[in-house]
Amino acid sequence: MVGRDRPGRYLMDGLVGAVRRIHDDFGLADDMEVDYETKLFATYADVDRAVSLRCFPRIDGVLSPDPVVVEASWLNSPAFAQRLVLNALTSEHVFLGGNVGRYRADRARAEQAVAVLAISMLATPEITVPRAVRALTGVAGGAQGKDFLGYTHPARLCSTVQSGLASLVARNLVEVVDGARFRRCHVSRSYSTSHACDNGPTIPIERNPR
């Protein structure tokens, strides 16, 4: 769920109880590694931080996602909660109701953000969709899938990355080279929210109106 403010303890307890009953009714496994209070609700500010990629550290200007650390304090941190939001918006999911305009805008921003994340991680002048997907699904010889950014379906991620890159092309932030490669364009730094892609130009992601 997404809203302007986090619900109070009484409402949150009711939400957690309802979700647990659904798990019991349908015989679903109850994953308790991440607290329900962390993963069931995000504020608009959490979504903004997620699609602004502020939940990832930078090393020499390059976005460098950490592998998942299986410790309660890490799994329930604001940064990891925002990573879950980004993953949810860019993985297979179901829209159950609410402000559909806001949802569509957030999903589009998330797709652009994932494309920007791949561009930064690869730190090369040009990228392709397959290279971007490989970068987002795991580290060579290291963490993969759920132990990294949570992506386990490369085919679905290909579509998400392609959509995000297409949006960046439409905004003249990325250009297509030979039909399959994507190259960053030089853009203005006057936007209110932006993402530095390695040591190259800044690619901005538009803020979503409240």
Protein backbone atom coordinates (compact mmCIF):
# COMPACT_ATOMS: atom_id res chain seq x y z
CA MET A 1 0.00 0.00 0.00
CA VAL A 2 1.08 3.57 -0.69
CA GLY A 3 -0.13 6.76 0.96
CA ARG A 4 0.88 10.20 2.10
CA ASP A 5 1.46 9.24 5.76
CA ARG A 6 2.21 5.97 7.49
CA PRO A 7 -0.79 4.48 9.29
CA GLY A 8 -0.89 4.48 13.07
CA ARG A 9 -0.19 1.39 15.14
CA TYR A 10 -3.86 0.34 15.35
CA LEU A 11 -4.39 0.46 11.58
CA MET A 12 -1.02 -1.17 10.85
CA ASP A 13 -1.76 -4.03 13.26
CA GLY A 14 -5.08 -4.57 11.49
CA LEU A 15 -3.38 -4.60 8.07
CA VAL A 16 -0.73 -7.07 9.22
CA GLY A 17 -3.40 -9.30 10.74
CA ALA A 18 -5.42 -9.29 7.53
CA VAL A 19 -2.40 -10.28 5.45
CA ARG A 20 -1.53 -13.09 7.83
CA ARG A 21 -5.08 -14.41 7.63
CA ILE A 22 -4.84 -14.43 3.82
CA HIS A 23 -1.64 -16.47 4.10
CA ASP A 24 -3.35 -18.92 6.47
CA ASP A 25 -6.52 -19.20 4.36
CA PHE A 26 -4.59 -20.05 1.18
CA GLY A 27 -1.77 -22.07 2.74
CA LEU A 28 0.88 -19.56 1.72
CA ALA A 29 4.33 -19.48 3.29
CA ASP A 30 4.74 -16.65 5.79
CA ASP A 31 8.03 -14.91 4.96
CA MET A 32 9.15 -13.17 8.13
CA GLU A 33 12.68 -12.13 7.15
CA VAL A 34 11.36 -8.61 6.50
CA ASP A 35 8.84 -7.26 9.01
CA TYR A 36 5.34 -6.72 7.64
CA GLU A 37 5.46 -3.15 8.92
CA THR A 38 8.39 -2.60 6.56
CA LYS A 39 7.05 -4.23 3.42
CA LEU A 40 3.29 -3.59 3.51
CA PHE A 41 3.24 0.20 3.35
CA ALA A 42 5.26 2.98 1.70
CA THR A 43 4.74 6.72 1.82
CA TYR A 44 4.83 8.93 -1.26
CA ALA A 45 8.19 10.16 0.03
CA ASP A 46 9.46 6.55 0.12
CA VAL A 47 8.39 6.09 -3.49
CA ASP A 48 10.11 9.33 -4.51
CA ARG A 49 13.35 8.23 -2.84
CA ALA A 50 13.10 4.80 -4.46
CA VAL A 51 12.67 6.13 -8.00
CA SER A 52 15.37 8.74 -7.32
CA LEU A 53 17.71 5.81 -6.52
CA ARG A 54 18.66 7.35 -3.19
CA CYS A 55 18.46 3.89 -1.62
CA PHE A 56 21.74 2.87 -3.29
CA PRO A 57 25.26 3.94 -2.30
CA ARG A 58 27.67 5.48 -4.77
CA ILE A 59 31.34 4.69 -5.23
CA ASP A 60 33.23 7.34 -7.20
CA GLY A 61 29.92 8.59 -8.52
CA VAL A 62 28.75 5.15 -9.72
CA LEU A 63 25.62 3.63 -8.22
CA SER A 64 26.76 0.44 -6.48
CA PRO A 65 23.92 -1.66 -5.01
CA ASP A 66 24.91 -3.81 -2.06
CA PRO A 67 23.99 -7.49 -2.00
CA VAL A 68 21.24 -8.38 0.44
CA VAL A 69 22.47 -8.69 4.02
CA VAL A 70 20.39 -11.19 5.99
CA GLU A 71 20.28 -9.20 9.21
CA ALA A 72 17.09 -7.79 10.73
CA SER A 73 18.46 -4.24 11.04
CA TRP A 74 19.50 -4.20 7.36
CA LEU A 75 16.35 -5.86 6.02
CA ASN A 76 14.13 -3.43 7.92
CA SER A 77 16.11 -0.29 7.11
CA PRO A 78 14.49 2.58 5.17
CA ALA A 79 16.96 2.04 2.30
CA PHE A 80 16.01 -1.61 1.85
CA ALA A 81 12.31 -0.79 2.15
CA GLN A 82 12.77 1.65 -0.74
CA ARG A 83 14.60 -1.04 -2.74
CA LEU A 84 11.52 -3.24 -2.24
CA VAL A 85 9.32 -0.44 -3.58
CA LEU A 86 11.48 -0.06 -6.71
CA ASN A 87 11.45 -3.82 -7.26
CA ALA A 88 7.69 -4.05 -6.76
CA LEU A 89 7.01 -1.33 -9.33
CA THR A 90 9.32 -2.94 -11.91
CA SER A 91 8.42 -6.61 -11.39
CA GLU A 92 5.24 -8.55 -12.07
CA HIS A 93 2.51 -7.26 -9.76
CA VAL A 94 -1.21 -6.50 -9.51
CA PHE A 95 -2.82 -3.08 -9.11
CA LEU A 96 -5.70 -3.54 -6.66
CA GLY A 97 -7.14 -0.03 -6.59
CA GLY A 98 -6.64 3.59 -5.62
CA ASN A 99 -5.24 6.52 -7.59
CA VAL A 100 -4.55 4.91 -10.96
CA GLY A 101 -2.95 8.09 -12.35
CA ARG A 102 -0.47 8.20 -9.50
CA TYR A 103 0.21 4.48 -9.88
CA ARG A 104 0.91 4.74 -13.60
CA ALA A 105 3.19 7.72 -13.10
CA ASP A 106 5.12 5.94 -10.33
CA ARG A 107 5.48 2.82 -12.43
CA ALA A 108 6.81 4.85 -15.38
CA ARG A 109 9.27 6.68 -13.12
CA ALA A 110 10.41 3.35 -11.67
CA GLU A 111 11.06 1.93 -15.15
CA GLN A 112 13.16 4.97 -16.02
CA ALA A 113 14.99 4.65 -12.71
CA VAL A 114 15.92 1.02 -13.37
CA ALA A 115 17.30 2.01 -16.77
CA VAL A 116 19.31 4.80 -15.13
CA LEU A 117 20.56 2.37 -12.48
CA ALA A 118 21.83 -0.02 -15.16
CA ILE A 119 23.51 2.81 -17.07
CA SER A 120 25.32 3.91 -13.93
CA MET A 121 26.30 0.40 -12.83
CA LEU A 122 27.79 -0.42 -16.23
CA ALA A 123 29.68 2.90 -16.33
CA THR A 124 30.20 2.72 -20.09
CA PRO A 125 29.29 5.27 -22.78
CA GLU A 126 26.86 2.83 -24.41
CA ILE A 127 24.73 -0.05 -23.19
CA THR A 128 22.41 -2.70 -24.60
CA VAL A 129 19.30 -4.16 -22.98
CA PRO A 130 20.89 -7.63 -22.45
CA ARG A 131 23.91 -6.05 -20.73
CA ALA A 132 21.64 -3.95 -18.56
CA VAL A 133 19.61 -7.00 -17.53
CA ARG A 134 22.75 -8.95 -16.65
CA ALA A 135 23.95 -6.07 -14.48
CA LEU A 136 20.62 -5.81 -12.68
CA THR A 137 20.17 -9.54 -12.03
CA GLY A 138 23.50 -10.18 -10.34
CA VAL A 139 27.19 -9.66 -9.88
CA ALA A 140 29.54 -11.95 -11.80
CA GLY A 141 30.73 -14.56 -9.32
CA GLY A 142 28.62 -12.95 -6.59
CA ALA A 143 25.07 -12.33 -5.42
CA GLN A 144 22.27 -13.11 -7.85
CA GLY A 145 18.48 -12.63 -8.05
CA LYS A 146 16.83 -12.30 -4.65
CA ASP A 147 20.22 -11.97 -3.00
CA PHE A 148 20.96 -8.89 -5.12
CA LEU A 149 18.18 -6.60 -6.48
CA GLY A 150 15.42 -9.19 -6.36
CA TYR A 151 15.00 -9.74 -10.10
CA THR A 152 14.53 -13.40 -10.99
CA HIS A 153 12.77 -13.21 -14.39
CA PRO A 154 15.19 -11.80 -17.00
CA ALA A 155 12.57 -11.83 -19.79
CA ARG A 156 10.22 -9.60 -17.76
CA LEU A 157 13.12 -7.36 -16.81
CA CYS A 158 14.09 -6.98 -20.48
CA SER A 159 10.70 -5.44 -21.14
CA THR A 160 11.00 -3.13 -18.13
CA VAL A 161 14.48 -1.92 -19.10
CA GLN A 162 13.44 -1.43 -22.73
CA SER A 163 10.46 0.64 -21.61
CA GLY A 164 12.62 2.73 -19.28
CA LEU A 165 15.21 3.38 -21.97
CA ALA A 166 12.48 4.27 -24.48
CA SER A 167 11.16 6.88 -22.04
CA LEU A 168 14.65 8.34 -21.68
CA VAL A 169 14.99 8.44 -25.46
CA ALA A 170 11.64 10.25 -25.74
CA ARG A 171 12.94 12.87 -23.31
CA ASN A 172 16.18 13.27 -25.32
CA LEU A 173 18.26 11.99 -22.42
CA VAL A 174 19.42 8.86 -24.23
CA GLU A 175 19.84 8.23 -27.96
CA VAL A 176 19.58 4.99 -29.93
CA VAL A 177 22.67 3.86 -31.84
CA ASP A 178 22.33 1.27 -34.62
CA GLY A 179 18.93 0.20 -33.32
CA ALA A 180 20.22 -1.82 -30.35
CA ARG A 181 22.65 0.32 -28.37
CA PHE A 182 21.82 3.27 -26.15
CA ARG A 183 24.07 6.26 -25.52
CA ARG A 184 23.57 9.04 -22.99
CA CYS A 185 22.97 12.56 -24.23
CA HIS A 186 24.31 15.68 -22.55
CA VAL A 187 21.49 17.19 -20.50
CA SER A 188 20.85 20.17 -18.28
CA ARG A 189 21.58 19.91 -14.55
CA SER A 190 18.74 22.28 -13.66
CA TYR A 191 16.21 19.56 -12.78
CA SER A 192 15.05 19.18 -9.20
CA THR A 193 15.68 15.43 -9.08
CA SER A 194 18.50 13.78 -11.02
CA HIS A 195 20.78 10.78 -11.08
CA ALA A 196 24.47 10.96 -11.91
CA CYS A 197 25.43 8.10 -14.19
CA ASP A 198 29.03 7.22 -13.37
CA ASN A 199 31.19 10.23 -14.30
CA GLY A 200 29.11 11.24 -17.30
CA PRO A 201 26.18 13.61 -17.67
CA THR A 202 23.29 13.70 -15.25
CA ILE A 203 20.04 11.98 -16.23
CA PRO A 204 17.04 13.55 -14.45
CA ILE A 205 13.88 11.77 -13.41
CA GLU A 206 10.82 13.98 -13.15
CA ARG A 207 9.14 14.43 -9.79
CA ASN A 208 5.64 13.08 -9.47
CA PRO A 209 2.99 15.62 -8.36
CA ARG A 210 1.23 14.87 -5.08
